[in-house]
Amino acid sequence: MDSVQDWKKAVLALTDDSDQIQAADALALLLNGEADADDTARSITMIFEVDLKRNNGSTHADCHNKVYEFWTNHMLLAILKFGSTVVNQRLIDLLKEISKQPDVKTPDGSVKTHGRYEAYWRDVPGWEYSFAEELLCK
């Protein structure tokens, strides 16, 4: 099994974005068993919330969406790197805890959505597509 340090190096090779680096640090703590899913979910959602609040309305999963990049570059790489039931359970727990985080509100007071319907964070927006498109289809 690869080490968390190897996983983190692979993730950091894909980005120089400070938000993605902070998210990798938070996820590494969870993968190592040094943080629980609830604390990690709060950390990760807070990291991306500022970026999500910049624009009113919805956002689509594309290469400019930091959450989509997190799903594909952090979460999916962790799934591919680690076959451990323990690590996979930590990732599942993280997704559940992300869905429990408060909705992101835009400056105009509306709930930030992915597309037209998936609310950040309760609907774990973009995860389903990332998982299906980037992992299952390859």
N, C-alpha and C. Protein backbone atom coordinates (compact mmCIF):
# COMPACT_ATOMS: atom_id res chain seq x y z
N MET A 1 0.84 -1.19 0.00
CA MET A 1 0.00 0.00 0.00
C MET A 1 0.89 1.25 0.00
N ASP A 2 0.49 2.23 -0.78
CA ASP A 2 1.22 3.49 -0.81
C ASP A 2 1.03 4.23 0.50
N SER A 3 1.98 5.08 0.81
CA SER A 3 1.87 5.88 2.02
C SER A 3 1.06 7.14 1.74
N VAL A 4 0.57 7.73 2.79
CA VAL A 4 -0.15 8.99 2.67
C VAL A 4 0.78 10.06 2.11
N GLN A 5 2.02 9.99 2.49
CA GLN A 5 3.00 10.96 1.98
C GLN A 5 3.13 10.84 0.46
N ASP A 6 3.15 9.61 -0.07
CA ASP A 6 3.20 9.40 -1.52
C ASP A 6 1.95 9.96 -2.19
N TRP A 7 0.79 9.71 -1.57
CA TRP A 7 -0.47 10.24 -2.09
C TRP A 7 -0.42 11.77 -2.14
N LYS A 8 0.04 12.36 -1.05
CA LYS A 8 0.08 13.82 -0.96
C LYS A 8 1.02 14.40 -2.02
N LYS A 9 2.17 13.77 -2.24
CA LYS A 9 3.09 14.23 -3.28
C LYS A 9 2.41 14.21 -4.65
N ALA A 10 1.68 13.14 -4.92
CA ALA A 10 0.98 13.02 -6.21
C ALA A 10 -0.08 14.11 -6.36
N VAL A 11 -0.80 14.40 -5.29
CA VAL A 11 -1.82 15.46 -5.32
C VAL A 11 -1.16 16.82 -5.54
N LEU A 12 -0.12 17.10 -4.79
CA LEU A 12 0.54 18.41 -4.88
C LEU A 12 1.22 18.62 -6.23
N ALA A 13 1.57 17.55 -6.90
CA ALA A 13 2.15 17.67 -8.24
C ALA A 13 1.12 18.17 -9.25
N LEU A 14 -0.16 18.06 -8.91
CA LEU A 14 -1.23 18.47 -9.82
C LEU A 14 -1.67 19.92 -9.64
N THR A 15 -1.14 20.60 -8.63
CA THR A 15 -1.65 21.95 -8.33
C THR A 15 -0.61 22.81 -7.65
N ASP A 16 -0.80 24.12 -7.80
CA ASP A 16 -0.06 25.07 -6.99
C ASP A 16 -1.04 26.01 -6.28
N ASP A 17 -2.31 25.66 -6.31
CA ASP A 17 -3.38 26.45 -5.70
C ASP A 17 -3.34 26.26 -4.18
N SER A 18 -3.30 27.36 -3.45
CA SER A 18 -3.17 27.29 -1.99
C SER A 18 -4.37 26.59 -1.34
N ASP A 19 -5.57 26.75 -1.90
CA ASP A 19 -6.74 26.07 -1.34
C ASP A 19 -6.61 24.56 -1.49
N GLN A 20 -6.14 24.12 -2.64
CA GLN A 20 -5.96 22.68 -2.87
C GLN A 20 -4.87 22.11 -1.97
N ILE A 21 -3.85 22.89 -1.72
CA ILE A 21 -2.76 22.45 -0.83
C ILE A 21 -3.28 22.32 0.61
N GLN A 22 -4.06 23.29 1.05
CA GLN A 22 -4.65 23.22 2.40
C GLN A 22 -5.59 22.02 2.51
N ALA A 23 -6.38 21.78 1.46
CA ALA A 23 -7.30 20.64 1.47
C ALA A 23 -6.53 19.32 1.51
N ALA A 24 -5.40 19.25 0.80
CA ALA A 24 -4.56 18.04 0.83
C ALA A 24 -4.01 17.82 2.25
N ASP A 25 -3.60 18.89 2.90
CA ASP A 25 -3.10 18.77 4.28
C ASP A 25 -4.19 18.23 5.20
N ALA A 26 -5.40 18.76 5.08
CA ALA A 26 -6.51 18.32 5.92
C ALA A 26 -6.86 16.86 5.64
N LEU A 27 -6.92 16.50 4.37
CA LEU A 27 -7.27 15.12 4.02
C LEU A 27 -6.17 14.15 4.44
N ALA A 28 -4.92 14.56 4.37
CA ALA A 28 -3.81 13.70 4.81
C ALA A 28 -3.95 13.34 6.29
N LEU A 29 -4.37 14.30 7.11
CA LEU A 29 -4.57 14.01 8.53
C LEU A 29 -5.64 12.94 8.72
N LEU A 30 -6.72 13.03 7.95
CA LEU A 30 -7.78 12.02 8.03
C LEU A 30 -7.26 10.66 7.57
N LEU A 31 -6.57 10.64 6.44
CA LEU A 31 -6.06 9.38 5.90
C LEU A 31 -5.09 8.71 6.85
N ASN A 32 -4.33 9.50 7.60
CA ASN A 32 -3.39 8.97 8.59
C ASN A 32 -4.06 8.59 9.90
N GLY A 33 -5.34 8.90 10.04
CA GLY A 33 -6.05 8.63 11.28
C GLY A 33 -5.76 9.64 12.37
N GLU A 34 -5.24 10.81 11.99
CA GLU A 34 -4.89 11.84 12.96
C GLU A 34 -6.00 12.87 13.16
N ALA A 35 -7.04 12.79 12.35
CA ALA A 35 -8.20 13.68 12.46
C ALA A 35 -9.44 12.86 12.16
N ASP A 36 -10.58 13.29 12.69
CA ASP A 36 -11.81 12.57 12.38
C ASP A 36 -12.51 13.20 11.18
N ALA A 37 -13.51 12.51 10.68
CA ALA A 37 -14.21 12.94 9.47
C ALA A 37 -14.93 14.27 9.67
N ASP A 38 -15.50 14.49 10.85
CA ASP A 38 -16.23 15.72 11.12
C ASP A 38 -15.31 16.94 11.05
N ASP A 39 -14.18 16.87 11.74
CA ASP A 39 -13.23 17.98 11.72
C ASP A 39 -12.68 18.21 10.31
N THR A 40 -12.41 17.13 9.60
CA THR A 40 -11.88 17.25 8.24
C THR A 40 -12.91 17.87 7.31
N ALA A 41 -14.16 17.47 7.44
CA ALA A 41 -15.22 18.05 6.61
C ALA A 41 -15.35 19.54 6.86
N ARG A 42 -15.32 19.94 8.12
CA ARG A 42 -15.40 21.38 8.44
C ARG A 42 -14.22 22.13 7.84
N SER A 43 -13.04 21.58 7.97
CA SER A 43 -11.84 22.24 7.43
C SER A 43 -11.93 22.38 5.92
N ILE A 44 -12.26 21.31 5.25
CA ILE A 44 -12.29 21.33 3.78
C ILE A 44 -13.38 22.25 3.25
N THR A 45 -14.56 22.18 3.83
CA THR A 45 -15.64 23.04 3.32
C THR A 45 -15.34 24.52 3.59
N MET A 46 -14.70 24.82 4.72
CA MET A 46 -14.33 26.21 4.99
C MET A 46 -13.29 26.72 3.99
N ILE A 47 -12.38 25.85 3.60
CA ILE A 47 -11.35 26.22 2.63
C ILE A 47 -12.00 26.67 1.32
N PHE A 48 -12.99 25.93 0.85
CA PHE A 48 -13.58 26.21 -0.46
C PHE A 48 -14.74 27.20 -0.41
N GLU A 49 -15.26 27.47 0.77
CA GLU A 49 -16.43 28.34 0.89
C GLU A 49 -16.18 29.76 0.39
N VAL A 50 -15.03 30.31 0.65
CA VAL A 50 -14.72 31.67 0.20
C VAL A 50 -14.80 31.75 -1.32
N ASP A 51 -14.22 30.78 -1.99
CA ASP A 51 -14.25 30.76 -3.45
C ASP A 51 -15.68 30.59 -3.96
N LEU A 52 -16.46 29.75 -3.32
CA LEU A 52 -17.83 29.51 -3.74
C LEU A 52 -18.70 30.75 -3.58
N LYS A 53 -18.42 31.57 -2.56
CA LYS A 53 -19.25 32.75 -2.29
C LYS A 53 -18.95 33.93 -3.22
N ARG A 54 -17.88 33.84 -3.97
CA ARG A 54 -17.50 34.97 -4.82
C ARG A 54 -18.56 35.35 -5.85
N ASN A 55 -19.26 34.36 -6.36
CA ASN A 55 -20.27 34.62 -7.39
C ASN A 55 -21.63 34.16 -6.91
N ASN A 56 -22.65 34.97 -7.19
CA ASN A 56 -24.02 34.56 -6.90
C ASN A 56 -24.44 33.52 -7.92
N GLY A 57 -25.51 32.81 -7.62
CA GLY A 57 -26.04 31.84 -8.58
C GLY A 57 -25.34 30.51 -8.50
N SER A 58 -25.43 29.76 -9.59
CA SER A 58 -24.90 28.40 -9.59
C SER A 58 -23.53 28.35 -10.24
N THR A 59 -22.88 27.24 -10.02
CA THR A 59 -21.59 26.99 -10.64
C THR A 59 -21.62 25.58 -11.22
N HIS A 60 -20.93 25.39 -12.30
CA HIS A 60 -20.90 24.08 -12.94
C HIS A 60 -19.55 23.43 -12.72
N ALA A 61 -19.53 22.11 -12.71
CA ALA A 61 -18.27 21.38 -12.53
C ALA A 61 -17.45 21.51 -13.80
N ASP A 62 -16.40 22.25 -13.70
CA ASP A 62 -15.47 22.36 -14.81
C ASP A 62 -14.08 22.53 -14.22
N CYS A 63 -13.11 22.76 -15.05
CA CYS A 63 -11.74 22.82 -14.55
C CYS A 63 -11.49 24.06 -13.68
N HIS A 64 -12.45 24.97 -13.61
CA HIS A 64 -12.28 26.17 -12.80
C HIS A 64 -12.98 26.07 -11.45
N ASN A 65 -13.61 24.95 -11.20
CA ASN A 65 -14.33 24.77 -9.96
C ASN A 65 -13.41 24.02 -8.98
N LYS A 66 -13.06 24.67 -7.89
CA LYS A 66 -12.11 24.09 -6.95
C LYS A 66 -12.65 22.84 -6.27
N VAL A 67 -13.94 22.78 -6.05
CA VAL A 67 -14.52 21.59 -5.42
C VAL A 67 -14.40 20.40 -6.36
N TYR A 68 -14.69 20.61 -7.63
CA TYR A 68 -14.54 19.53 -8.62
C TYR A 68 -13.09 19.06 -8.65
N GLU A 69 -12.15 19.97 -8.60
CA GLU A 69 -10.74 19.59 -8.57
C GLU A 69 -10.42 18.79 -7.31
N PHE A 70 -11.02 19.16 -6.20
CA PHE A 70 -10.81 18.40 -4.97
C PHE A 70 -11.31 16.96 -5.13
N TRP A 71 -12.52 16.83 -5.69
CA TRP A 71 -13.05 15.47 -5.90
C TRP A 71 -12.10 14.64 -6.77
N THR A 72 -11.70 15.21 -7.90
CA THR A 72 -10.92 14.42 -8.86
C THR A 72 -9.46 14.26 -8.45
N ASN A 73 -8.84 15.30 -7.92
CA ASN A 73 -7.41 15.23 -7.62
C ASN A 73 -7.09 14.73 -6.22
N HIS A 74 -8.01 14.85 -5.30
CA HIS A 74 -7.75 14.43 -3.92
C HIS A 74 -8.47 13.12 -3.60
N MET A 75 -9.78 13.17 -3.65
CA MET A 75 -10.59 12.02 -3.23
C MET A 75 -10.39 10.81 -4.15
N LEU A 76 -10.49 11.02 -5.45
CA LEU A 76 -10.38 9.88 -6.35
C LEU A 76 -8.97 9.30 -6.35
N LEU A 77 -7.98 10.15 -6.24
CA LEU A 77 -6.61 9.64 -6.15
C LEU A 77 -6.42 8.82 -4.88
N ALA A 78 -7.05 9.24 -3.79
CA ALA A 78 -6.97 8.47 -2.54
C ALA A 78 -7.65 7.11 -2.71
N ILE A 79 -8.79 7.08 -3.37
CA ILE A 79 -9.48 5.81 -3.61
C ILE A 79 -8.60 4.88 -4.44
N LEU A 80 -7.95 5.43 -5.45
CA LEU A 80 -7.10 4.62 -6.31
C LEU A 80 -5.83 4.16 -5.59
N LYS A 81 -5.29 4.98 -4.72
CA LYS A 81 -4.02 4.67 -4.05
C LYS A 81 -4.17 3.68 -2.90
N PHE A 82 -5.29 3.75 -2.19
CA PHE A 82 -5.45 2.96 -0.98
C PHE A 82 -6.55 1.92 -1.14
N GLY A 83 -6.22 0.67 -0.89
CA GLY A 83 -7.21 -0.39 -0.98
C GLY A 83 -7.75 -0.80 0.38
N SER A 84 -7.28 -0.14 1.40
CA SER A 84 -7.65 -0.48 2.76
C SER A 84 -9.10 -0.16 3.06
N THR A 85 -9.77 -1.10 3.71
CA THR A 85 -11.14 -0.88 4.14
C THR A 85 -11.21 0.28 5.13
N VAL A 86 -10.22 0.39 5.98
CA VAL A 86 -10.19 1.47 6.97
C VAL A 86 -10.12 2.83 6.28
N VAL A 87 -9.24 2.97 5.31
CA VAL A 87 -9.11 4.25 4.60
C VAL A 87 -10.38 4.54 3.80
N ASN A 88 -10.91 3.54 3.13
CA ASN A 88 -12.15 3.75 2.37
C ASN A 88 -13.29 4.18 3.28
N GLN A 89 -13.36 3.60 4.48
CA GLN A 89 -14.41 3.99 5.42
C GLN A 89 -14.20 5.44 5.86
N ARG A 90 -12.98 5.86 6.04
CA ARG A 90 -12.71 7.25 6.40
C ARG A 90 -13.19 8.19 5.30
N LEU A 91 -12.98 7.80 4.04
CA LEU A 91 -13.42 8.64 2.92
C LEU A 91 -14.95 8.68 2.84
N ILE A 92 -15.59 7.55 3.07
CA ILE A 92 -17.06 7.51 3.08
C ILE A 92 -17.58 8.40 4.22
N ASP A 93 -16.97 8.26 5.38
CA ASP A 93 -17.38 9.10 6.53
C ASP A 93 -17.19 10.58 6.22
N LEU A 94 -16.12 10.91 5.52
CA LEU A 94 -15.87 12.31 5.14
C LEU A 94 -16.99 12.82 4.24
N LEU A 95 -17.38 12.04 3.25
CA LEU A 95 -18.47 12.46 2.36
C LEU A 95 -19.77 12.68 3.14
N LYS A 96 -20.05 11.78 4.08
CA LYS A 96 -21.26 11.95 4.91
C LYS A 96 -21.18 13.23 5.73
N GLU A 97 -20.02 13.51 6.30
CA GLU A 97 -19.86 14.71 7.12
C GLU A 97 -19.90 15.99 6.28
N ILE A 98 -19.36 15.93 5.07
CA ILE A 98 -19.46 17.10 4.18
C ILE A 98 -20.92 17.42 3.92
N SER A 99 -21.74 16.38 3.73
CA SER A 99 -23.17 16.61 3.45
C SER A 99 -23.92 17.21 4.64
N LYS A 100 -23.34 17.13 5.82
CA LYS A 100 -23.97 17.69 7.02
C LYS A 100 -23.56 19.14 7.30
N GLN A 101 -22.62 19.66 6.52
CA GLN A 101 -22.15 21.03 6.74
C GLN A 101 -23.24 22.03 6.32
N PRO A 102 -23.25 23.20 6.93
CA PRO A 102 -24.27 24.20 6.58
C PRO A 102 -24.19 24.60 5.10
N ASP A 103 -25.36 24.90 4.55
CA ASP A 103 -25.41 25.36 3.16
C ASP A 103 -24.56 26.61 3.00
N VAL A 104 -23.93 26.73 1.86
CA VAL A 104 -23.17 27.93 1.53
C VAL A 104 -24.16 28.98 1.04
N LYS A 105 -24.10 30.15 1.62
CA LYS A 105 -24.96 31.26 1.21
C LYS A 105 -24.13 32.26 0.41
N THR A 106 -24.66 32.70 -0.70
CA THR A 106 -23.99 33.71 -1.52
C THR A 106 -24.26 35.09 -0.94
N PRO A 107 -23.54 36.12 -1.42
CA PRO A 107 -23.76 37.47 -0.88
C PRO A 107 -25.21 37.95 -0.97
N ASP A 108 -25.97 37.45 -1.95
CA ASP A 108 -27.37 37.88 -2.05
C ASP A 108 -28.30 37.03 -1.18
N GLY A 109 -27.74 36.09 -0.41
CA GLY A 109 -28.53 35.30 0.53
C GLY A 109 -29.05 33.98 -0.01
N SER A 110 -28.84 33.72 -1.29
CA SER A 110 -29.32 32.46 -1.85
C SER A 110 -28.36 31.33 -1.52
N VAL A 111 -28.85 30.11 -1.61
CA VAL A 111 -28.02 28.93 -1.38
C VAL A 111 -27.20 28.67 -2.64
N LYS A 112 -25.92 28.52 -2.46
CA LYS A 112 -25.02 28.23 -3.58
C LYS A 112 -25.29 26.83 -4.08
N THR A 113 -25.49 26.71 -5.38
CA THR A 113 -25.76 25.41 -5.96
C THR A 113 -24.79 25.07 -7.07
N HIS A 114 -24.67 23.80 -7.30
CA HIS A 114 -23.92 23.27 -8.43
C HIS A 114 -24.97 22.95 -9.48
N GLY A 115 -24.82 23.52 -10.67
CA GLY A 115 -25.89 23.36 -11.65
C GLY A 115 -27.12 24.07 -11.14
N ARG A 116 -28.24 23.43 -11.24
CA ARG A 116 -29.49 24.07 -10.82
C ARG A 116 -30.00 23.58 -9.48
N TYR A 117 -29.53 22.40 -9.04
CA TYR A 117 -30.22 21.79 -7.91
C TYR A 117 -29.35 21.34 -6.75
N GLU A 118 -28.09 21.05 -6.97
CA GLU A 118 -27.27 20.47 -5.90
C GLU A 118 -26.69 21.56 -5.01
N ALA A 119 -27.16 21.61 -3.75
CA ALA A 119 -26.71 22.63 -2.81
C ALA A 119 -25.36 22.25 -2.22
N TYR A 120 -24.48 23.28 -2.12
CA TYR A 120 -23.24 23.11 -1.38
C TYR A 120 -23.59 23.30 0.09
N TRP A 121 -23.47 22.37 0.90
CA TRP A 121 -22.75 21.11 0.92
C TRP A 121 -23.67 19.91 1.02
N ARG A 122 -24.91 20.14 1.35
CA ARG A 122 -25.78 19.01 1.69
C ARG A 122 -25.90 17.98 0.58
N ASP A 123 -25.79 18.39 -0.68
CA ASP A 123 -25.94 17.45 -1.79
C ASP A 123 -24.60 16.91 -2.30
N VAL A 124 -23.51 17.26 -1.64
CA VAL A 124 -22.15 16.86 -2.04
C VAL A 124 -22.02 17.06 -3.56
N PRO A 125 -22.22 18.31 -4.00
CA PRO A 125 -22.31 18.60 -5.43
C PRO A 125 -21.08 18.25 -6.24
N GLY A 126 -21.33 17.60 -7.34
CA GLY A 126 -20.28 17.23 -8.25
C GLY A 126 -19.61 15.91 -7.94
N TRP A 127 -19.79 15.39 -6.72
CA TRP A 127 -19.13 14.14 -6.34
C TRP A 127 -19.60 12.98 -7.22
N GLU A 128 -20.90 12.87 -7.37
CA GLU A 128 -21.47 11.77 -8.15
C GLU A 128 -20.90 11.75 -9.57
N TYR A 129 -20.85 12.90 -10.20
CA TYR A 129 -20.32 12.99 -11.56
C TYR A 129 -18.84 12.66 -11.58
N SER A 130 -18.09 13.23 -10.66
CA SER A 130 -16.65 12.97 -10.60
C SER A 130 -16.37 11.49 -10.43
N PHE A 131 -17.08 10.88 -9.50
CA PHE A 131 -16.89 9.46 -9.23
C PHE A 131 -17.20 8.63 -10.46
N ALA A 132 -18.33 8.90 -11.08
CA ALA A 132 -18.74 8.11 -12.25
C ALA A 132 -17.85 8.38 -13.46
N GLU A 133 -17.63 9.63 -13.75
CA GLU A 133 -16.90 10.00 -14.95
C GLU A 133 -15.39 9.74 -14.86
N GLU A 134 -14.83 10.14 -13.74
CA GLU A 134 -13.37 10.08 -13.62
C GLU A 134 -12.85 8.73 -13.11
N LEU A 135 -13.65 8.00 -12.37
CA LEU A 135 -13.16 6.75 -11.79
C LEU A 135 -13.78 5.54 -12.48
N LEU A 136 -15.08 5.48 -12.56
CA LEU A 136 -15.73 4.30 -13.10
C LEU A 136 -15.60 4.16 -14.60
N CYS A 137 -15.49 5.28 -15.28
CA CYS A 137 -15.42 5.25 -16.75
C CYS A 137 -14.01 5.05 -17.27
N LYS A 138 -13.04 4.95 -16.41
CA LYS A 138 -11.65 4.79 -16.86
C LYS A 138 -11.16 3.39 -16.63
